[in-house]
């Protein structure tokens, strides 16, 4: 585990210990700013609202956002670097490369973005009463604080890049005893200033309405 500022980076959110080997090759295949802009495809957001199920609170106001095929990943780029650079450009940092835990969990003090850099996975979002989505390379999911998620299955080559807004504290919630406190902390996590994919003009800013 590595510590960044006041929060533990989301290496904890991965299903397997691939971080060291994957992040070691970041120097190759990195897109420049112009190339990065060309790799982003404007997609309409898919939104998903999930109810509190007693274990997973989910978010009381804001839906999960999914962009299908938002990022093109040609063979001449490092797909993880593309997502890292894109998220960082839009103010989402503390990035990690890994998978997704295979048990239900959520983060009560911070929002999270997941970019699928390689492979495919079936992920249940929203807790046991939520929805199962198949995600594949190029897809992006933006999870407001409190959103449950866990991997049901995946291809052997699955690689996910996660990142976070510049505020909030990383936590990992899995137990029913954490539910009451999570209900108090989730609404206090502020809306990000930028969409992690589309920046200051991104759909997140209208989909996640304040007030």
N, C-alpha and C. Protein backbone atom coordinates (compact mmCIF):
# COMPACT_ATOMS: atom_id res chain seq x y z
N UNK A 1 0.85 -1.19 0.00
CA UNK A 1 0.00 0.00 0.00
C UNK A 1 0.88 1.23 0.00
N UNK A 2 0.55 2.24 -0.81
CA UNK A 2 1.29 3.47 -0.79
C UNK A 2 0.38 4.58 -0.29
N UNK A 3 0.93 5.58 0.37
CA UNK A 3 0.13 6.67 0.92
C UNK A 3 0.40 7.92 0.11
N UNK A 4 -0.68 8.59 -0.30
CA UNK A 4 -0.57 9.82 -1.06
C UNK A 4 -1.32 10.89 -0.30
N UNK A 5 -0.62 11.91 0.16
CA UNK A 5 -1.27 12.95 0.94
C UNK A 5 -1.92 12.35 2.17
N UNK A 6 -3.23 12.60 2.31
CA UNK A 6 -3.92 12.11 3.50
C UNK A 6 -4.74 10.87 3.22
N UNK A 7 -4.52 10.24 2.07
CA UNK A 7 -5.32 9.06 1.80
C UNK A 7 -4.48 7.96 1.17
N UNK A 8 -4.86 6.73 1.46
CA UNK A 8 -4.18 5.59 0.86
C UNK A 8 -4.65 5.44 -0.56
N UNK A 9 -3.72 5.34 -1.50
CA UNK A 9 -4.10 5.23 -2.90
C UNK A 9 -4.85 3.94 -3.15
N UNK A 10 -5.68 3.95 -4.20
CA UNK A 10 -6.64 2.86 -4.39
C UNK A 10 -6.05 1.60 -4.96
N UNK A 11 -4.76 1.40 -4.77
CA UNK A 11 -4.18 0.09 -5.01
C UNK A 11 -4.99 -0.94 -4.23
N UNK A 12 -5.58 -0.52 -3.09
CA UNK A 12 -6.40 -1.41 -2.28
C UNK A 12 -7.63 -1.90 -3.02
N UNK A 13 -8.06 -1.16 -4.04
CA UNK A 13 -9.30 -1.51 -4.71
C UNK A 13 -9.10 -2.56 -5.78
N UNK A 14 -7.87 -3.05 -5.98
CA UNK A 14 -7.61 -4.03 -7.02
C UNK A 14 -7.84 -5.44 -6.55
N UNK A 15 -8.10 -6.32 -7.51
CA UNK A 15 -8.35 -7.72 -7.17
C UNK A 15 -7.08 -8.54 -7.13
N UNK A 16 -6.05 -8.11 -7.86
CA UNK A 16 -4.82 -8.89 -7.90
C UNK A 16 -3.62 -7.97 -7.76
N UNK A 17 -2.48 -8.53 -7.44
CA UNK A 17 -1.29 -7.73 -7.17
C UNK A 17 -0.49 -7.51 -8.43
N UNK A 18 -1.06 -6.75 -9.38
CA UNK A 18 -0.38 -6.50 -10.64
C UNK A 18 0.26 -5.13 -10.69
N UNK A 19 0.09 -4.33 -9.64
CA UNK A 19 0.45 -2.92 -9.73
C UNK A 19 1.92 -2.72 -10.06
N UNK A 20 2.80 -3.38 -9.37
CA UNK A 20 4.23 -3.13 -9.57
C UNK A 20 4.67 -3.42 -10.99
N UNK A 21 4.25 -4.55 -11.53
CA UNK A 21 4.69 -4.93 -12.86
C UNK A 21 4.06 -4.06 -13.93
N UNK A 22 2.81 -3.65 -13.73
CA UNK A 22 2.13 -2.86 -14.75
C UNK A 22 2.66 -1.43 -14.76
N UNK A 23 2.81 -0.83 -13.58
CA UNK A 23 3.18 0.58 -13.55
C UNK A 23 4.64 0.80 -13.92
N UNK A 24 5.43 -0.26 -13.88
CA UNK A 24 6.84 -0.10 -14.20
C UNK A 24 7.11 0.27 -15.64
N UNK A 25 6.17 0.03 -16.57
CA UNK A 25 6.42 0.28 -17.97
C UNK A 25 5.78 1.54 -18.50
N UNK A 26 5.47 2.49 -17.64
CA UNK A 26 4.72 3.65 -18.07
C UNK A 26 5.47 4.55 -19.04
N UNK A 27 6.79 4.42 -19.14
CA UNK A 27 7.56 5.33 -19.97
C UNK A 27 7.33 5.11 -21.46
N UNK A 28 6.77 3.98 -21.86
CA UNK A 28 6.56 3.73 -23.28
C UNK A 28 5.09 3.83 -23.63
N UNK A 29 4.82 4.26 -24.85
CA UNK A 29 3.45 4.31 -25.33
C UNK A 29 2.61 5.42 -24.77
N UNK A 30 3.23 6.44 -24.18
CA UNK A 30 2.46 7.54 -23.60
C UNK A 30 2.04 8.50 -24.71
N UNK A 31 0.76 8.85 -24.80
CA UNK A 31 0.32 9.78 -25.83
C UNK A 31 0.66 11.22 -25.47
N UNK A 32 0.96 12.03 -26.48
CA UNK A 32 1.09 13.46 -26.25
C UNK A 32 -0.28 14.08 -26.10
N UNK A 33 -0.31 15.38 -25.79
CA UNK A 33 -1.59 16.05 -25.55
C UNK A 33 -2.50 16.00 -26.77
N UNK A 34 -1.91 16.24 -27.95
CA UNK A 34 -2.72 16.24 -29.17
C UNK A 34 -3.27 14.85 -29.45
N UNK A 35 -2.43 13.83 -29.29
CA UNK A 35 -2.87 12.46 -29.53
C UNK A 35 -3.93 12.06 -28.51
N UNK A 36 -3.75 12.48 -27.27
CA UNK A 36 -4.72 12.14 -26.23
C UNK A 36 -6.10 12.68 -26.57
N UNK A 37 -6.15 13.92 -27.05
CA UNK A 37 -7.44 14.51 -27.41
C UNK A 37 -8.11 13.73 -28.54
N UNK A 38 -7.31 13.21 -29.46
CA UNK A 38 -7.86 12.45 -30.58
C UNK A 38 -8.43 11.10 -30.15
N UNK A 39 -7.96 10.60 -29.02
CA UNK A 39 -8.39 9.28 -28.56
C UNK A 39 -9.71 9.31 -27.80
N UNK A 40 -10.16 10.50 -27.44
CA UNK A 40 -11.40 10.63 -26.65
C UNK A 40 -12.59 10.77 -27.58
N UNK A 41 -13.54 9.88 -27.44
CA UNK A 41 -14.78 9.90 -28.22
C UNK A 41 -15.91 10.46 -27.36
N UNK A 42 -16.63 11.43 -27.90
CA UNK A 42 -17.74 12.00 -27.14
C UNK A 42 -18.89 11.00 -27.12
N UNK A 43 -19.30 10.59 -25.93
CA UNK A 43 -20.38 9.62 -25.77
C UNK A 43 -21.43 10.16 -24.82
N UNK A 44 -22.67 9.79 -25.07
CA UNK A 44 -23.75 10.17 -24.16
C UNK A 44 -23.62 9.35 -22.87
N UNK A 45 -23.85 9.98 -21.74
CA UNK A 45 -23.72 9.24 -20.48
C UNK A 45 -24.89 8.30 -20.25
N UNK A 46 -24.59 7.11 -19.76
CA UNK A 46 -25.61 6.21 -19.23
C UNK A 46 -25.61 6.40 -17.72
N UNK A 47 -26.77 6.54 -17.12
CA UNK A 47 -26.83 6.78 -15.69
C UNK A 47 -27.59 5.66 -14.99
N UNK A 48 -27.14 5.35 -13.78
CA UNK A 48 -27.72 4.25 -13.01
C UNK A 48 -27.89 4.71 -11.56
N UNK A 49 -29.12 4.62 -11.07
CA UNK A 49 -29.40 4.96 -9.68
C UNK A 49 -29.67 3.69 -8.89
N UNK A 50 -29.10 3.62 -7.70
CA UNK A 50 -29.25 2.43 -6.87
C UNK A 50 -29.75 2.82 -5.48
N UNK A 51 -30.65 2.02 -4.95
CA UNK A 51 -31.20 2.28 -3.63
C UNK A 51 -30.28 1.72 -2.54
N UNK A 52 -30.42 2.27 -1.37
CA UNK A 52 -29.74 1.75 -0.17
C UNK A 52 -30.31 0.37 0.13
N UNK A 53 -29.43 -0.63 0.26
CA UNK A 53 -29.92 -1.99 0.53
C UNK A 53 -29.63 -2.46 1.96
N UNK A 54 -29.20 -1.52 2.80
CA UNK A 54 -28.91 -1.87 4.19
C UNK A 54 -27.46 -2.19 4.44
N UNK A 55 -26.75 -2.61 3.42
CA UNK A 55 -25.30 -2.83 3.50
C UNK A 55 -24.57 -1.77 2.71
N UNK A 56 -25.00 -1.57 1.46
CA UNK A 56 -24.41 -0.58 0.57
C UNK A 56 -25.35 0.63 0.50
N UNK A 57 -24.91 1.80 0.93
CA UNK A 57 -25.80 2.97 0.92
C UNK A 57 -26.09 3.48 -0.49
N UNK A 58 -25.08 3.39 -1.38
CA UNK A 58 -25.11 4.09 -2.66
C UNK A 58 -25.25 5.58 -2.41
N UNK A 59 -25.40 6.37 -3.45
CA UNK A 59 -25.47 7.82 -3.25
C UNK A 59 -26.92 8.28 -3.23
N UNK A 60 -27.29 9.15 -2.30
CA UNK A 60 -28.70 9.55 -2.18
C UNK A 60 -29.20 10.44 -3.31
N UNK A 61 -28.29 11.10 -4.04
CA UNK A 61 -28.73 12.03 -5.09
C UNK A 61 -28.13 11.74 -6.46
N UNK A 62 -26.87 11.36 -6.50
CA UNK A 62 -26.16 11.30 -7.78
C UNK A 62 -26.06 9.88 -8.31
N UNK A 63 -26.31 9.70 -9.60
CA UNK A 63 -26.22 8.36 -10.20
C UNK A 63 -24.79 8.02 -10.60
N UNK A 64 -24.54 6.74 -10.76
CA UNK A 64 -23.32 6.30 -11.41
C UNK A 64 -23.41 6.66 -12.89
N UNK A 65 -22.30 7.07 -13.47
CA UNK A 65 -22.24 7.44 -14.88
C UNK A 65 -21.34 6.45 -15.61
N UNK A 66 -21.80 5.97 -16.76
CA UNK A 66 -20.99 5.09 -17.60
C UNK A 66 -20.89 5.68 -18.99
N UNK A 67 -19.67 5.76 -19.51
CA UNK A 67 -19.43 6.14 -20.90
C UNK A 67 -18.92 4.90 -21.63
N UNK A 68 -19.71 4.41 -22.57
CA UNK A 68 -19.30 3.25 -23.36
C UNK A 68 -18.37 3.68 -24.49
N UNK A 69 -17.22 3.04 -24.59
CA UNK A 69 -16.31 3.34 -25.69
C UNK A 69 -15.84 4.77 -25.72
N UNK A 70 -15.61 5.36 -24.56
CA UNK A 70 -15.23 6.77 -24.50
C UNK A 70 -13.79 7.01 -24.93
N UNK A 71 -12.96 5.98 -24.84
CA UNK A 71 -11.53 6.14 -25.15
C UNK A 71 -11.10 5.09 -26.15
N UNK A 72 -10.53 5.54 -27.26
CA UNK A 72 -9.97 4.62 -28.24
C UNK A 72 -8.57 4.21 -27.79
N UNK A 73 -8.25 2.93 -27.98
CA UNK A 73 -6.98 2.40 -27.50
C UNK A 73 -6.26 1.65 -28.62
N UNK A 74 -5.66 2.38 -29.56
CA UNK A 74 -4.94 1.71 -30.66
C UNK A 74 -3.69 1.00 -30.14
N UNK A 75 -3.13 0.16 -30.99
CA UNK A 75 -1.99 -0.66 -30.58
C UNK A 75 -0.72 0.14 -30.29
N UNK A 76 -0.64 1.37 -30.81
CA UNK A 76 0.61 2.12 -30.65
C UNK A 76 0.66 2.95 -29.37
N UNK A 77 -0.29 2.76 -28.45
CA UNK A 77 -0.25 3.48 -27.18
C UNK A 77 -0.33 2.48 -26.03
N UNK A 78 0.16 2.90 -24.89
CA UNK A 78 0.00 2.14 -23.66
C UNK A 78 -1.39 2.47 -23.11
N UNK A 79 -2.32 1.52 -23.09
CA UNK A 79 -3.70 1.86 -22.72
C UNK A 79 -3.84 2.40 -21.31
N UNK A 80 -3.05 1.87 -20.38
CA UNK A 80 -3.14 2.37 -19.01
C UNK A 80 -2.64 3.81 -18.93
N UNK A 81 -1.57 4.13 -19.67
CA UNK A 81 -1.05 5.49 -19.67
C UNK A 81 -2.06 6.46 -20.26
N UNK A 82 -2.81 6.02 -21.26
CA UNK A 82 -3.84 6.88 -21.84
C UNK A 82 -4.84 7.30 -20.77
N UNK A 83 -5.34 6.33 -20.01
CA UNK A 83 -6.31 6.66 -18.97
C UNK A 83 -5.69 7.51 -17.87
N UNK A 84 -4.48 7.17 -17.46
CA UNK A 84 -3.82 7.95 -16.41
C UNK A 84 -3.66 9.40 -16.83
N UNK A 85 -3.19 9.61 -18.06
CA UNK A 85 -2.98 10.97 -18.54
C UNK A 85 -4.30 11.72 -18.71
N UNK A 86 -5.32 11.03 -19.21
CA UNK A 86 -6.62 11.66 -19.39
C UNK A 86 -7.21 12.08 -18.05
N UNK A 87 -7.21 11.17 -17.10
CA UNK A 87 -7.77 11.50 -15.79
C UNK A 87 -6.99 12.62 -15.13
N UNK A 88 -5.66 12.55 -15.21
CA UNK A 88 -4.82 13.58 -14.59
C UNK A 88 -5.05 14.95 -15.22
N UNK A 89 -5.19 14.98 -16.54
CA UNK A 89 -5.45 16.24 -17.24
C UNK A 89 -6.71 16.91 -16.72
N UNK A 90 -7.67 16.10 -16.30
CA UNK A 90 -8.95 16.62 -15.83
C UNK A 90 -9.05 16.67 -14.30
N UNK A 91 -7.90 16.60 -13.64
CA UNK A 91 -7.88 16.82 -12.20
C UNK A 91 -8.17 15.63 -11.33
N UNK A 92 -8.20 14.42 -11.93
CA UNK A 92 -8.42 13.20 -11.15
C UNK A 92 -7.08 12.47 -11.06
N UNK A 93 -6.56 12.34 -9.86
CA UNK A 93 -5.23 11.78 -9.68
C UNK A 93 -5.18 10.59 -8.74
N UNK A 94 -4.02 10.40 -8.10
CA UNK A 94 -3.77 9.24 -7.24
C UNK A 94 -4.15 7.95 -7.96
N UNK A 95 -3.77 7.86 -9.23
CA UNK A 95 -4.23 6.75 -10.06
C UNK A 95 -3.52 5.45 -9.72
N UNK A 96 -4.17 4.36 -10.05
CA UNK A 96 -3.63 3.02 -9.83
C UNK A 96 -3.96 2.15 -11.03
N UNK A 97 -3.22 1.06 -11.18
CA UNK A 97 -3.48 0.05 -12.21
C UNK A 97 -3.68 -1.28 -11.51
N UNK A 98 -4.80 -1.92 -11.77
CA UNK A 98 -5.04 -3.19 -11.11
C UNK A 98 -6.30 -3.82 -11.67
N UNK A 99 -7.10 -4.46 -10.81
CA UNK A 99 -8.37 -5.04 -11.21
C UNK A 99 -9.49 -4.44 -10.37
N UNK A 100 -10.49 -5.22 -10.05
CA UNK A 100 -11.58 -4.79 -9.18
C UNK A 100 -11.82 -5.91 -8.18
N UNK A 101 -11.96 -5.58 -6.93
CA UNK A 101 -12.18 -6.61 -5.91
C UNK A 101 -13.38 -7.49 -6.27
N UNK A 102 -13.29 -8.75 -5.87
CA UNK A 102 -14.37 -9.70 -6.16
C UNK A 102 -15.33 -9.84 -4.98
N UNK A 103 -15.47 -8.80 -4.20
CA UNK A 103 -16.47 -8.76 -3.12
C UNK A 103 -17.07 -7.36 -3.06
N UNK A 104 -18.24 -7.26 -2.47
CA UNK A 104 -18.96 -5.99 -2.43
C UNK A 104 -18.21 -4.99 -1.55
N UNK A 105 -17.97 -3.82 -2.09
CA UNK A 105 -17.33 -2.76 -1.32
C UNK A 105 -17.73 -1.41 -1.90
N UNK A 106 -17.48 -0.37 -1.13
CA UNK A 106 -17.75 0.99 -1.60
C UNK A 106 -16.83 1.95 -0.85
N UNK A 107 -16.82 3.19 -1.30
CA UNK A 107 -16.00 4.23 -0.68
C UNK A 107 -16.94 5.34 -0.21
N UNK A 108 -16.92 5.66 1.06
CA UNK A 108 -17.89 6.60 1.62
C UNK A 108 -17.39 8.03 1.66
N UNK A 109 -16.11 8.25 1.44
CA UNK A 109 -15.53 9.58 1.60
C UNK A 109 -14.89 10.13 0.33
N UNK A 110 -15.11 9.44 -0.80
CA UNK A 110 -14.47 9.89 -2.03
C UNK A 110 -15.18 9.28 -3.24
N UNK A 111 -15.20 10.02 -4.34
CA UNK A 111 -15.70 9.49 -5.61
C UNK A 111 -14.56 8.73 -6.30
N UNK A 112 -14.93 7.91 -7.29
CA UNK A 112 -13.92 7.09 -7.98
C UNK A 112 -14.28 6.96 -9.45
N UNK A 113 -13.27 7.00 -10.32
CA UNK A 113 -13.47 6.70 -11.73
C UNK A 113 -12.70 5.45 -12.07
N UNK A 114 -13.30 4.58 -12.87
CA UNK A 114 -12.67 3.34 -13.32
C UNK A 114 -12.62 3.35 -14.85
N UNK A 115 -11.42 3.25 -15.40
CA UNK A 115 -11.25 3.15 -16.84
C UNK A 115 -10.78 1.76 -17.20
N UNK A 116 -11.45 1.11 -18.13
CA UNK A 116 -11.07 -0.25 -18.52
C UNK A 116 -10.00 -0.14 -19.61
N UNK A 117 -8.77 -0.45 -19.23
CA UNK A 117 -7.64 -0.32 -20.16
C UNK A 117 -7.46 -1.55 -21.03
N UNK A 118 -7.85 -2.70 -20.50
CA UNK A 118 -7.65 -3.95 -21.25
C UNK A 118 -8.60 -5.01 -20.73
N UNK A 119 -9.07 -5.87 -21.63
CA UNK A 119 -9.90 -6.99 -21.22
C UNK A 119 -11.36 -6.64 -21.02
N UNK A 120 -12.08 -7.56 -20.41
CA UNK A 120 -13.51 -7.39 -20.13
C UNK A 120 -13.81 -7.90 -18.73
N UNK A 121 -14.95 -7.46 -18.20
CA UNK A 121 -15.36 -7.93 -16.87
C UNK A 121 -16.86 -7.78 -16.72
N UNK A 122 -17.42 -8.66 -15.91
CA UNK A 122 -18.79 -8.49 -15.44
C UNK A 122 -18.70 -7.93 -14.02
N UNK A 123 -19.31 -6.78 -13.82
CA UNK A 123 -19.24 -6.10 -12.53
C UNK A 123 -20.65 -5.80 -12.05
N UNK A 124 -20.92 -6.13 -10.80
CA UNK A 124 -22.21 -5.75 -10.22
C UNK A 124 -22.02 -4.42 -9.49
N UNK A 125 -22.74 -3.43 -9.93
CA UNK A 125 -22.72 -2.12 -9.31
C UNK A 125 -23.97 -1.94 -8.46
N UNK A 126 -23.83 -1.23 -7.34
CA UNK A 126 -24.99 -0.91 -6.52
C UNK A 126 -25.29 -1.90 -5.42
N UNK A 127 -24.44 -2.90 -5.22
CA UNK A 127 -24.70 -3.91 -4.19
C UNK A 127 -25.44 -5.10 -4.76
N UNK A 128 -25.84 -6.01 -3.87
CA UNK A 128 -26.46 -7.26 -4.31
C UNK A 128 -27.79 -7.04 -5.03
N UNK A 129 -28.43 -5.91 -4.81
CA UNK A 129 -29.68 -5.59 -5.50
C UNK A 129 -29.46 -4.63 -6.66
N UNK A 130 -28.20 -4.46 -7.04
CA UNK A 130 -27.88 -3.51 -8.10
C UNK A 130 -28.00 -4.12 -9.48
N UNK A 131 -27.09 -3.71 -10.35
CA UNK A 131 -27.17 -4.13 -11.76
C UNK A 131 -25.82 -4.65 -12.23
N UNK A 132 -25.86 -5.73 -12.99
CA UNK A 132 -24.64 -6.32 -13.54
C UNK A 132 -24.39 -5.72 -14.92
N UNK A 133 -23.20 -5.17 -15.11
CA UNK A 133 -22.80 -4.61 -16.40
C UNK A 133 -21.56 -5.32 -16.90
N UNK A 134 -21.51 -5.53 -18.19
CA UNK A 134 -20.29 -6.00 -18.83
C UNK A 134 -19.51 -4.79 -19.31
N UNK A 135 -18.29 -4.65 -18.84
CA UNK A 135 -17.45 -3.52 -19.25
C UNK A 135 -16.27 -4.06 -20.04
N UNK A 136 -15.81 -3.23 -20.98
CA UNK A 136 -14.70 -3.67 -21.84
C UNK A 136 -13.76 -2.51 -22.08
N UNK A 137 -12.63 -2.81 -22.71
CA UNK A 137 -11.60 -1.81 -22.95
C UNK A 137 -12.19 -0.58 -23.64
N UNK A 138 -11.89 0.59 -23.09
CA UNK A 138 -12.39 1.86 -23.61
C UNK A 138 -13.56 2.41 -22.83
N UNK A 139 -14.19 1.59 -21.99
CA UNK A 139 -15.32 2.05 -21.18
C UNK A 139 -14.83 2.77 -19.93
N UNK A 140 -15.68 3.66 -19.42
CA UNK A 140 -15.39 4.40 -18.19
C UNK A 140 -16.62 4.39 -17.30
N UNK A 141 -16.43 4.14 -16.01
CA UNK A 141 -17.51 4.23 -15.02
C UNK A 141 -17.09 5.22 -13.95
N UNK A 142 -17.99 6.15 -13.64
CA UNK A 142 -17.74 7.15 -12.60
C UNK A 142 -18.69 6.87 -11.44
N UNK A 143 -18.12 6.55 -10.30
CA UNK A 143 -18.90 6.11 -9.15
C UNK A 143 -18.94 7.21 -8.09
N UNK A 144 -20.12 7.78 -7.83
CA UNK A 144 -20.19 8.71 -6.71
C UNK A 144 -19.96 7.96 -5.40
N UNK A 145 -19.51 8.68 -4.40
CA UNK A 145 -19.25 8.07 -3.10
C UNK A 145 -20.45 7.23 -2.66
N UNK A 146 -20.16 6.05 -2.13
CA UNK A 146 -21.20 5.16 -1.63
C UNK A 146 -21.64 4.09 -2.59
N UNK A 147 -21.19 4.15 -3.84
CA UNK A 147 -21.65 3.19 -4.85
C UNK A 147 -20.97 1.84 -4.68
N UNK A 148 -21.75 0.80 -4.46
CA UNK A 148 -21.21 -0.54 -4.32
C UNK A 148 -20.72 -1.08 -5.65
N UNK A 149 -19.67 -1.89 -5.61
CA UNK A 149 -19.17 -2.53 -6.82
C UNK A 149 -18.37 -3.76 -6.45
N UNK A 150 -18.50 -4.79 -7.27
CA UNK A 150 -17.62 -5.95 -7.13
C UNK A 150 -17.60 -6.75 -8.42
N UNK A 151 -16.44 -7.33 -8.69
CA UNK A 151 -16.22 -8.08 -9.92
C UNK A 151 -16.79 -9.48 -9.77
N UNK A 152 -17.62 -9.87 -10.74
CA UNK A 152 -18.18 -11.23 -10.76
C UNK A 152 -17.30 -12.17 -11.58
N UNK A 153 -16.79 -11.67 -12.70
CA UNK A 153 -15.92 -12.47 -13.56
C UNK A 153 -15.15 -11.51 -14.46
N UNK A 154 -14.08 -12.02 -15.07
CA UNK A 154 -13.30 -11.17 -15.96
C UNK A 154 -12.43 -12.02 -16.85
N UNK A 155 -11.96 -11.41 -17.92
CA UNK A 155 -10.95 -12.05 -18.76
C UNK A 155 -9.62 -12.03 -18.01
N UNK A 156 -8.73 -12.93 -18.40
CA UNK A 156 -7.44 -13.05 -17.70
C UNK A 156 -6.59 -11.79 -17.84
N UNK A 157 -6.84 -11.01 -18.89
CA UNK A 157 -6.00 -9.83 -19.13
C UNK A 157 -6.61 -8.53 -18.62
N UNK A 158 -7.63 -8.61 -17.78
CA UNK A 158 -8.29 -7.40 -17.31
C UNK A 158 -7.28 -6.44 -16.66
N UNK A 159 -7.34 -5.18 -17.07
CA UNK A 159 -6.54 -4.13 -16.45
C UNK A 159 -7.41 -2.89 -16.31
N UNK A 160 -7.51 -2.40 -15.10
CA UNK A 160 -8.35 -1.24 -14.79
C UNK A 160 -7.46 -0.12 -14.27
N UNK A 161 -7.76 1.11 -14.67
CA UNK A 161 -7.10 2.28 -14.11
C UNK A 161 -8.13 3.05 -13.29
N UNK A 162 -7.83 3.29 -12.04
CA UNK A 162 -8.71 4.06 -11.18
C UNK A 162 -8.07 5.38 -10.81
N UNK A 163 -8.90 6.38 -10.47
CA UNK A 163 -8.39 7.68 -10.05
C UNK A 163 -9.46 8.38 -9.22
N UNK A 164 -9.06 9.52 -8.61
CA UNK A 164 -9.90 10.20 -7.64
C UNK A 164 -9.81 11.71 -7.81
N UNK A 165 -10.86 12.44 -7.41
CA UNK A 165 -10.78 13.90 -7.41
C UNK A 165 -9.72 14.37 -6.40
N UNK A 166 -9.36 15.65 -6.45
CA UNK A 166 -8.28 16.13 -5.58
C UNK A 166 -8.70 16.37 -4.14
N UNK A 167 -9.87 15.94 -3.74
CA UNK A 167 -10.32 16.09 -2.36
C UNK A 167 -10.96 14.78 -1.92
N UNK A 168 -11.11 14.61 -0.64
CA UNK A 168 -11.70 13.39 -0.11
C UNK A 168 -10.65 12.48 0.47
N UNK A 169 -11.10 11.48 1.19
CA UNK A 169 -10.22 10.52 1.85
C UNK A 169 -10.59 9.12 1.42
N UNK A 170 -9.61 8.38 0.91
CA UNK A 170 -9.89 7.01 0.48
C UNK A 170 -10.23 6.14 1.69
N UNK A 171 -11.32 5.41 1.59
CA UNK A 171 -11.67 4.40 2.59
C UNK A 171 -12.25 3.20 1.86
N UNK A 172 -12.32 2.08 2.55
CA UNK A 172 -12.84 0.85 1.97
C UNK A 172 -13.88 0.30 2.93
N UNK A 173 -15.14 0.31 2.51
CA UNK A 173 -16.24 -0.11 3.37
C UNK A 173 -16.82 -1.43 2.87
N UNK A 174 -16.94 -2.39 3.77
CA UNK A 174 -17.46 -3.71 3.41
C UNK A 174 -18.45 -4.26 4.43
N UNK A 175 -18.54 -3.64 5.61
CA UNK A 175 -19.30 -4.23 6.72
C UNK A 175 -20.57 -3.44 7.02
N UNK A 176 -21.58 -4.14 7.47
CA UNK A 176 -22.85 -3.51 7.83
C UNK A 176 -22.66 -2.47 8.94
N UNK A 177 -21.68 -2.72 9.81
CA UNK A 177 -21.43 -1.79 10.92
C UNK A 177 -20.95 -0.42 10.43
N UNK A 178 -20.48 -0.34 9.20
CA UNK A 178 -20.00 0.92 8.65
C UNK A 178 -21.11 1.75 8.00
N UNK A 179 -22.29 1.16 7.88
CA UNK A 179 -23.37 1.76 7.10
C UNK A 179 -23.84 3.09 7.69
N UNK A 180 -24.08 3.14 8.99
CA UNK A 180 -24.63 4.35 9.61
C UNK A 180 -23.69 5.54 9.44
N UNK A 181 -22.41 5.32 9.66
CA UNK A 181 -21.44 6.39 9.49
C UNK A 181 -21.35 6.81 8.03
N UNK A 182 -21.43 5.84 7.12
CA UNK A 182 -21.37 6.16 5.69
C UNK A 182 -22.52 7.06 5.27
N UNK A 183 -23.69 6.83 5.84
CA UNK A 183 -24.84 7.68 5.51
C UNK A 183 -24.58 9.14 5.86
N UNK A 184 -23.77 9.37 6.87
CA UNK A 184 -23.44 10.75 7.27
C UNK A 184 -22.35 11.35 6.40
N UNK A 185 -21.40 10.53 5.97
CA UNK A 185 -20.25 11.09 5.25
C UNK A 185 -20.48 11.23 3.75
N UNK A 186 -21.25 10.34 3.16
CA UNK A 186 -21.43 10.35 1.70
C UNK A 186 -21.95 11.69 1.17
N UNK A 187 -23.01 12.27 1.76
CA UNK A 187 -23.52 13.53 1.20
C UNK A 187 -22.56 14.71 1.35
N UNK A 188 -21.55 14.57 2.18
CA UNK A 188 -20.60 15.66 2.40
C UNK A 188 -19.49 15.69 1.35
N UNK A 189 -19.37 14.65 0.55
CA UNK A 189 -18.32 14.62 -0.48
C UNK A 189 -18.74 15.53 -1.63
N UNK A 190 -17.97 16.58 -1.87
CA UNK A 190 -18.35 17.61 -2.84
C UNK A 190 -18.28 17.09 -4.28
N UNK A 191 -19.01 17.76 -5.14
CA UNK A 191 -18.96 17.44 -6.56
C UNK A 191 -17.62 17.86 -7.15
N UNK A 192 -17.01 17.03 -7.99
CA UNK A 192 -15.74 17.42 -8.63
C UNK A 192 -15.94 18.63 -9.55
N UNK A 193 -14.86 19.35 -9.78
CA UNK A 193 -14.92 20.50 -10.67
C UNK A 193 -14.90 20.10 -12.13
N UNK A 194 -14.39 18.89 -12.42
CA UNK A 194 -14.30 18.45 -13.81
C UNK A 194 -14.74 17.00 -13.96
N UNK A 195 -15.30 16.70 -15.10
CA UNK A 195 -15.56 15.33 -15.51
C UNK A 195 -14.20 14.69 -15.80
N UNK A 196 -13.94 13.47 -15.32
CA UNK A 196 -12.62 12.87 -15.53
C UNK A 196 -12.29 12.55 -16.98
N UNK A 197 -13.31 12.49 -17.84
CA UNK A 197 -13.08 12.19 -19.26
C UNK A 197 -13.20 13.45 -20.11
N UNK A 198 -14.23 14.26 -19.87
CA UNK A 198 -14.53 15.38 -20.75
C UNK A 198 -14.27 16.75 -20.14
N UNK A 199 -13.69 16.79 -18.97
CA UNK A 199 -13.27 18.06 -18.39
C UNK A 199 -14.39 18.95 -17.91
N UNK A 200 -14.15 20.27 -18.02
CA UNK A 200 -15.07 21.25 -17.44
C UNK A 200 -16.39 21.35 -18.19
N UNK A 201 -16.48 20.77 -19.39
CA UNK A 201 -17.72 20.77 -20.16
C UNK A 201 -18.38 19.39 -20.15
N UNK A 202 -17.92 18.50 -19.30
CA UNK A 202 -18.43 17.13 -19.31
C UNK A 202 -19.81 16.97 -18.71
N UNK A 203 -20.50 15.90 -19.09
CA UNK A 203 -21.85 15.64 -18.59
C UNK A 203 -21.95 15.51 -17.08
N UNK A 204 -20.89 15.08 -16.42
CA UNK A 204 -20.95 14.90 -14.97
C UNK A 204 -21.46 16.16 -14.27
N UNK A 205 -21.07 17.33 -14.75
CA UNK A 205 -21.41 18.56 -14.07
C UNK A 205 -22.90 18.87 -14.12
N UNK A 206 -23.58 18.35 -15.12
CA UNK A 206 -25.04 18.54 -15.18
C UNK A 206 -25.79 17.36 -14.58
N UNK A 207 -25.23 16.17 -14.71
CA UNK A 207 -25.88 14.98 -14.15
C UNK A 207 -25.81 14.99 -12.63
N UNK A 208 -24.67 15.40 -12.09
CA UNK A 208 -24.53 15.50 -10.63
C UNK A 208 -24.86 16.94 -10.23
N UNK A 209 -26.12 17.23 -10.08
CA UNK A 209 -26.56 18.57 -9.69
C UNK A 209 -26.34 18.79 -8.20
N UNK A 210 -25.85 19.97 -7.86
CA UNK A 210 -25.65 20.32 -6.46
C UNK A 210 -26.92 20.90 -5.87
N UNK A 211 -27.00 20.84 -4.53
CA UNK A 211 -28.16 21.41 -3.86
C UNK A 211 -29.29 20.43 -3.68
